[in-house]
Amino acid sequence: MDTNLPFAAIGENFYHRILDVLETARIDFLVGGAFALRAYTGIERDTKDFDLMLRPPDVDAALTACRNAGLRAGHTFSHWIAKVHLGEHFIDLIYRAGNGLCEVDDDWFAASREADVLGRKLRLCPPEEIIWQKAFIMERERFDGADVLHLLRGCARSMDWPRLLGRFADNWRVLLSHLILFGYVYPDERELIPARVLDDLLARLAEEISGPRERPRNERPLCRGTLLSREQYLPDVEQWGYDDARIVGPSQMTPQEIIAWTNAIDDRPRSR
């Protein structure tokens, strides 16, 4: 590779090289990140990385193919992401969200949409799945709520709402919070969110409010905040006696992976 090329050109050549490697190895992938966001919303972002979404069983084969092509590649965090590097440029190979939810499965590919990316016809992550992942990102240093609302604004009319509701499942309150915020941010476009969707979610909310929450005497209270932020709800689970939803809920994280993910916040070791 010609290292005298401009920075952006080196990155684009690198991206094409990875795409060739994966296509030669017959590994399915979808384009996510800034490229997908631009296709669905028109928002342009400078980025040094390129997000590709893979099914979990395909990740090791992808890493092997990249290493065989002479590239540095490996898992960054075993529960959700691997990376392929070239200098300051890198490609993220993502197969879940950082909270251990939102695993890439066949439905991602079945609902994907084709677009022109880097001069190629590639498949994009469906907007429903992008919203599903981004809706949980509520860190102090990063909140993806604006991306969620921009995706709703750009894609609501063609959204597969039943599938989106199904993706959130028991986490429907997270979706409802974003939909309510959408009506605040875009008061003149509230009709983009189907009334039947809001009616469904608000009926669930009313049912929860009116029904008592009975917890067995020996069961600890649950904190789902760790699904939204890996740092901000640590006092709840480390000091205040709450169960961590990443352990007792549907998250795919092991206790060891939770420790590694927590330690990476600021490189200071923590015990659980």
Protein backbone atom coordinates (compact mmCIF):
# COMPACT_ATOMS: atom_id res chain seq x y z
CA MET A 1 0.00 0.00 0.00
CA ASP A 2 1.31 3.44 -0.91
CA THR A 3 1.83 5.25 2.41
CA ASN A 4 2.34 8.54 0.56
CA LEU A 5 -1.35 8.62 -0.26
CA PRO A 6 -3.53 11.11 1.65
CA PHE A 7 -4.86 9.88 4.99
CA ALA A 8 -8.41 9.42 3.69
CA ALA A 9 -7.21 7.54 0.61
CA ILE A 10 -5.19 5.10 2.75
CA GLY A 11 -8.30 4.42 4.81
CA GLU A 12 -10.48 3.83 1.77
CA ASN A 13 -7.93 1.46 0.23
CA PHE A 14 -7.80 -0.40 3.54
CA TYR A 15 -11.59 -0.70 3.63
CA HIS A 16 -11.65 -2.10 0.10
CA ARG A 17 -8.94 -4.58 1.05
CA ILE A 18 -10.99 -5.89 3.99
CA LEU A 19 -14.11 -6.13 1.87
CA ASP A 20 -12.17 -8.19 -0.67
CA VAL A 21 -10.83 -10.46 2.08
CA LEU A 22 -14.29 -11.11 3.52
CA GLU A 23 -15.92 -11.60 0.15
CA THR A 24 -13.18 -14.03 -0.93
CA ALA A 25 -13.67 -15.97 2.32
CA ARG A 26 -17.45 -15.92 1.70
CA ILE A 27 -18.17 -14.34 5.06
CA ASP A 28 -21.46 -12.45 5.22
CA PHE A 29 -21.36 -8.91 6.59
CA LEU A 30 -23.47 -5.78 6.76
CA VAL A 31 -22.30 -2.17 6.77
CA GLY A 32 -23.19 -0.17 9.87
CA GLY A 33 -21.81 2.87 11.65
CA ALA A 34 -21.35 6.24 9.98
CA PHE A 35 -21.82 4.85 6.47
CA ALA A 36 -25.24 3.39 7.26
CA LEU A 37 -26.27 6.47 9.22
CA ARG A 38 -25.42 8.68 6.24
CA ALA A 39 -27.42 6.47 3.88
CA TYR A 40 -30.53 6.62 6.08
CA THR A 41 -30.33 10.19 7.41
CA GLY A 42 -27.99 12.17 5.13
CA ILE A 43 -25.76 13.05 8.10
CA GLU A 44 -22.07 13.20 7.14
CA ARG A 45 -19.42 12.29 9.71
CA ASP A 46 -15.65 12.10 9.48
CA THR A 47 -14.62 8.69 10.67
CA LYS A 48 -11.41 6.65 10.88
CA ASP A 49 -13.25 3.38 11.27
CA PHE A 50 -15.63 1.24 9.29
CA ASP A 51 -18.25 -0.81 11.11
CA LEU A 52 -19.14 -4.23 9.75
CA MET A 53 -21.76 -6.41 11.42
CA LEU A 54 -21.22 -10.18 11.46
CA ARG A 55 -22.99 -13.15 12.96
CA PRO A 56 -21.06 -14.34 16.05
CA PRO A 57 -20.11 -17.72 14.51
CA ASP A 58 -18.44 -15.92 11.58
CA VAL A 59 -16.14 -13.65 13.58
CA ASP A 60 -13.23 -16.04 14.16
CA ALA A 61 -13.20 -17.01 10.48
CA ALA A 62 -13.13 -13.33 9.54
CA LEU A 63 -10.22 -12.66 11.89
CA THR A 64 -8.32 -15.65 10.50
CA ALA A 65 -8.87 -14.46 6.93
CA CYS A 66 -7.62 -10.98 7.82
CA ARG A 67 -4.52 -12.33 9.57
CA ASN A 68 -3.79 -14.56 6.59
CA ALA A 69 -3.92 -11.40 4.48
CA GLY A 70 -1.16 -9.89 6.63
CA LEU A 71 -3.33 -7.65 8.79
CA ARG A 72 -3.38 -7.23 12.55
CA ALA A 73 -6.71 -8.50 13.82
CA GLY A 74 -8.19 -9.74 17.08
CA HIS A 75 -10.95 -9.51 19.65
CA THR A 76 -11.09 -6.23 21.55
CA PHE A 77 -13.83 -7.41 23.91
CA SER A 78 -14.87 -11.03 23.62
CA HIS A 79 -18.58 -10.38 24.14
CA TRP A 80 -19.21 -7.93 21.30
CA ILE A 81 -16.39 -6.57 19.09
CA ALA A 82 -13.20 -7.40 17.21
CA LYS A 83 -10.95 -5.05 15.24
CA VAL A 84 -8.73 -5.12 12.18
CA HIS A 85 -5.99 -2.45 12.17
CA LEU A 86 -3.86 -0.57 9.66
CA GLY A 87 -2.04 2.35 11.25
CA GLU A 88 -4.61 4.85 12.54
CA HIS A 89 -7.36 3.22 10.54
CA PHE A 90 -9.35 0.27 11.78
CA ILE A 91 -12.42 -1.76 10.99
CA ASP A 92 -14.79 -2.86 13.71
CA LEU A 93 -16.28 -6.33 13.39
CA ILE A 94 -19.36 -6.11 15.59
CA TYR A 95 -21.60 -9.02 16.52
CA ARG A 96 -23.49 -7.70 19.57
CA ALA A 97 -23.86 -4.45 21.48
CA GLY A 98 -21.52 -3.52 24.31
CA ASN A 99 -24.19 -4.47 26.85
CA GLY A 100 -24.32 -8.02 25.53
CA LEU A 101 -27.71 -7.53 23.82
CA CYS A 102 -28.70 -7.00 20.18
CA GLU A 103 -26.91 -10.02 18.73
CA VAL A 104 -26.55 -10.08 14.95
CA ASP A 105 -28.67 -12.90 13.56
CA ASP A 106 -30.21 -14.01 10.28
CA ASP A 107 -33.01 -11.44 10.53
CA TRP A 108 -30.47 -8.63 10.24
CA PHE A 109 -29.50 -9.96 6.83
CA ALA A 110 -33.05 -10.75 5.72
CA ALA A 111 -34.11 -7.13 6.36
CA SER A 112 -30.92 -5.46 5.09
CA ARG A 113 -31.00 -2.85 2.34
CA GLU A 114 -28.62 -2.40 -0.57
CA ALA A 115 -26.75 0.88 -1.03
CA ASP A 116 -23.71 2.31 -2.80
CA VAL A 117 -20.87 2.33 -0.27
CA LEU A 118 -17.32 3.17 -1.34
CA GLY A 119 -18.33 2.64 -4.96
CA ARG A 120 -19.69 -0.86 -4.27
CA LYS A 121 -23.15 -2.28 -3.90
CA LEU A 122 -23.20 -3.45 -0.28
CA ARG A 123 -25.86 -4.44 2.22
CA LEU A 124 -26.64 -2.03 5.06
CA CYS A 125 -27.82 -2.91 8.54
CA PRO A 126 -31.58 -2.42 8.73
CA PRO A 127 -32.60 0.84 10.43
CA GLU A 128 -34.64 -1.14 12.95
CA GLU A 129 -31.54 -2.95 14.20
CA ILE A 130 -29.45 0.23 14.24
CA ILE A 131 -32.11 1.89 16.39
CA TRP A 132 -32.23 -1.19 18.61
CA GLN A 133 -28.50 -0.99 19.32
CA LYS A 134 -28.19 2.78 19.57
CA ALA A 135 -31.20 3.16 21.87
CA PHE A 136 -29.22 1.61 24.74
CA ILE A 137 -26.16 3.87 24.43
CA MET A 138 -26.55 6.42 27.23
CA GLU A 139 -23.04 6.93 28.58
CA ARG A 140 -21.80 10.17 30.14
CA GLU A 141 -19.42 10.62 27.23
CA ARG A 142 -21.72 9.29 24.51
CA PHE A 143 -25.46 9.40 24.04
CA ASP A 144 -26.85 8.06 20.75
CA GLY A 145 -30.37 9.38 21.26
CA ALA A 146 -29.98 11.98 18.51
CA ASP A 147 -29.00 9.23 16.07
CA VAL A 148 -32.10 7.27 17.07
CA LEU A 149 -34.34 10.28 16.46
CA HIS A 150 -32.67 11.07 13.14
CA LEU A 151 -33.18 7.47 12.03
CA LEU A 152 -36.83 7.64 13.05
CA ARG A 153 -37.24 10.90 11.15
CA GLY A 154 -35.65 9.43 8.03
CA CYS A 155 -37.09 5.91 8.11
CA ALA A 156 -40.34 5.95 10.11
CA ARG A 157 -42.58 5.72 7.04
CA SER A 158 -40.90 2.49 5.88
CA MET A 159 -40.15 1.10 9.34
CA ASP A 160 -41.16 -2.45 10.17
CA TRP A 161 -42.74 -1.44 13.45
CA PRO A 162 -43.84 -4.93 14.60
CA ARG A 163 -40.27 -6.18 14.10
CA LEU A 164 -38.84 -3.17 15.96
CA LEU A 165 -41.19 -3.78 18.88
CA GLY A 166 -40.21 -7.43 18.83
CA ARG A 167 -36.53 -6.55 18.97
CA PHE A 168 -36.96 -4.52 22.14
CA ALA A 169 -39.21 -7.18 23.71
CA ASP A 170 -39.11 -6.71 27.51
CA ASN A 171 -36.97 -3.58 27.05
CA TRP A 172 -39.89 -1.75 25.41
CA ARG A 173 -39.63 1.13 27.91
CA VAL A 174 -36.32 2.11 26.30
CA LEU A 175 -38.02 2.39 22.90
CA LEU A 176 -40.97 4.29 24.39
CA SER A 177 -38.63 6.83 25.96
CA HIS A 178 -37.09 7.60 22.56
CA LEU A 179 -40.48 7.81 20.84
CA ILE A 180 -41.73 10.28 23.43
CA LEU A 181 -38.58 12.34 22.98
CA PHE A 182 -39.12 12.27 19.21
CA GLY A 183 -42.44 14.09 19.63
CA TYR A 184 -40.69 16.71 21.73
CA VAL A 185 -37.81 17.26 19.30
CA TYR A 186 -40.02 17.19 16.18
CA PRO A 187 -43.41 18.56 17.26
CA ASP A 188 -44.47 19.10 13.64
CA GLU A 189 -43.67 15.50 12.66
CA ARG A 190 -45.22 13.56 15.51
CA GLU A 191 -47.45 11.74 13.04
CA LEU A 192 -44.42 9.84 11.75
CA ILE A 193 -44.71 7.60 14.79
CA PRO A 194 -47.82 5.45 14.21
CA ALA A 195 -50.52 5.99 16.82
CA ARG A 196 -50.99 2.23 17.15
CA VAL A 197 -47.34 1.86 18.26
CA LEU A 198 -47.65 4.51 20.95
CA ASP A 199 -51.04 3.15 22.00
CA ASP A 200 -49.53 -0.31 22.42
CA LEU A 201 -46.59 0.90 24.48
CA LEU A 202 -48.64 3.27 26.60
CA ALA A 203 -51.12 0.48 27.32
CA ARG A 204 -48.23 -1.65 28.55
CA LEU A 205 -47.09 1.24 30.72
CA ALA A 206 -50.57 1.73 32.19
CA GLU A 207 -50.82 -1.98 32.94
CA GLU A 208 -47.46 -1.94 34.73
CA ILE A 209 -48.36 1.12 36.75
CA SER A 210 -51.70 -0.30 37.87
CA GLY A 211 -50.37 -3.76 38.68
CA PRO A 212 -48.35 -4.41 41.86
CA ARG A 213 -44.76 -5.55 41.50
CA GLU A 214 -44.35 -8.40 43.94
CA ARG A 215 -40.83 -9.61 44.59
CA PRO A 216 -39.96 -12.74 46.56
CA ARG A 217 -38.66 -11.86 50.00
CA ASN A 218 -35.16 -13.19 49.27
CA GLU A 219 -34.85 -11.62 45.80
CA ARG A 220 -32.68 -8.52 45.40
CA PRO A 221 -33.97 -5.49 43.48
CA LEU A 222 -32.92 -5.31 39.83
CA CYS A 223 -31.01 -2.49 38.13
CA ARG A 224 -31.21 -2.41 34.32
CA GLY A 225 -29.13 0.76 34.18
CA THR A 226 -26.04 -1.29 33.38
CA LEU A 227 -27.64 -2.08 30.02
CA LEU A 228 -27.58 1.67 29.27
CA SER A 229 -24.20 2.63 30.71
CA ARG A 230 -21.29 0.49 31.82
CA GLU A 231 -20.15 3.14 34.33
CA GLN A 232 -22.97 5.27 35.67
CA TYR A 233 -24.85 2.50 37.48
CA LEU A 234 -21.86 0.80 39.09
CA PRO A 235 -22.77 2.20 42.54
CA ASP A 236 -26.11 0.44 42.24
CA VAL A 237 -24.64 -3.01 41.65
CA GLU A 238 -21.39 -2.62 43.58
CA GLN A 239 -22.59 -0.77 46.67
CA TRP A 240 -26.36 -0.60 46.93
CA GLY A 241 -27.30 -4.26 46.61
CA TYR A 242 -28.95 -4.28 43.17
CA ASP A 243 -28.71 -7.25 40.82
CA ASP A 244 -26.91 -6.44 37.58
CA ALA A 245 -29.26 -7.01 34.62
CA ARG A 246 -26.28 -8.08 32.53
CA ILE A 247 -25.94 -11.12 34.80
CA VAL A 248 -29.53 -12.02 35.66
CA GLY A 249 -31.11 -10.86 32.39
CA PRO A 250 -30.78 -11.86 28.72
CA SER A 251 -27.36 -10.26 28.18
CA GLN A 252 -24.76 -12.59 26.67
CA MET A 253 -21.97 -11.31 28.96
CA THR A 254 -20.14 -13.53 31.43
CA PRO A 255 -19.05 -12.14 34.84
CA GLN A 256 -15.47 -12.12 33.55
CA GLU A 257 -16.47 -10.12 30.48
CA ILE A 258 -18.32 -7.63 32.67
CA ILE A 259 -15.17 -7.13 34.75
CA ALA A 260 -13.03 -6.62 31.61
CA TRP A 261 -15.58 -4.19 30.14
CA THR A 262 -15.70 -2.25 33.43
CA ASN A 263 -11.94 -2.15 33.87
CA ALA A 264 -11.58 -0.64 30.40
CA ILE A 265 -13.49 2.48 31.43
CA ASP A 266 -10.37 4.12 32.77
CA ASP A 267 -7.83 1.26 32.96
CA ARG A 268 -8.16 1.08 36.73
CA PRO A 269 -8.82 -2.42 38.08
CA ARG A 270 -12.13 -2.98 39.83
CA SER A 271 -13.34 -5.98 41.76
CA ARG A 272 -16.89 -7.31 41.85
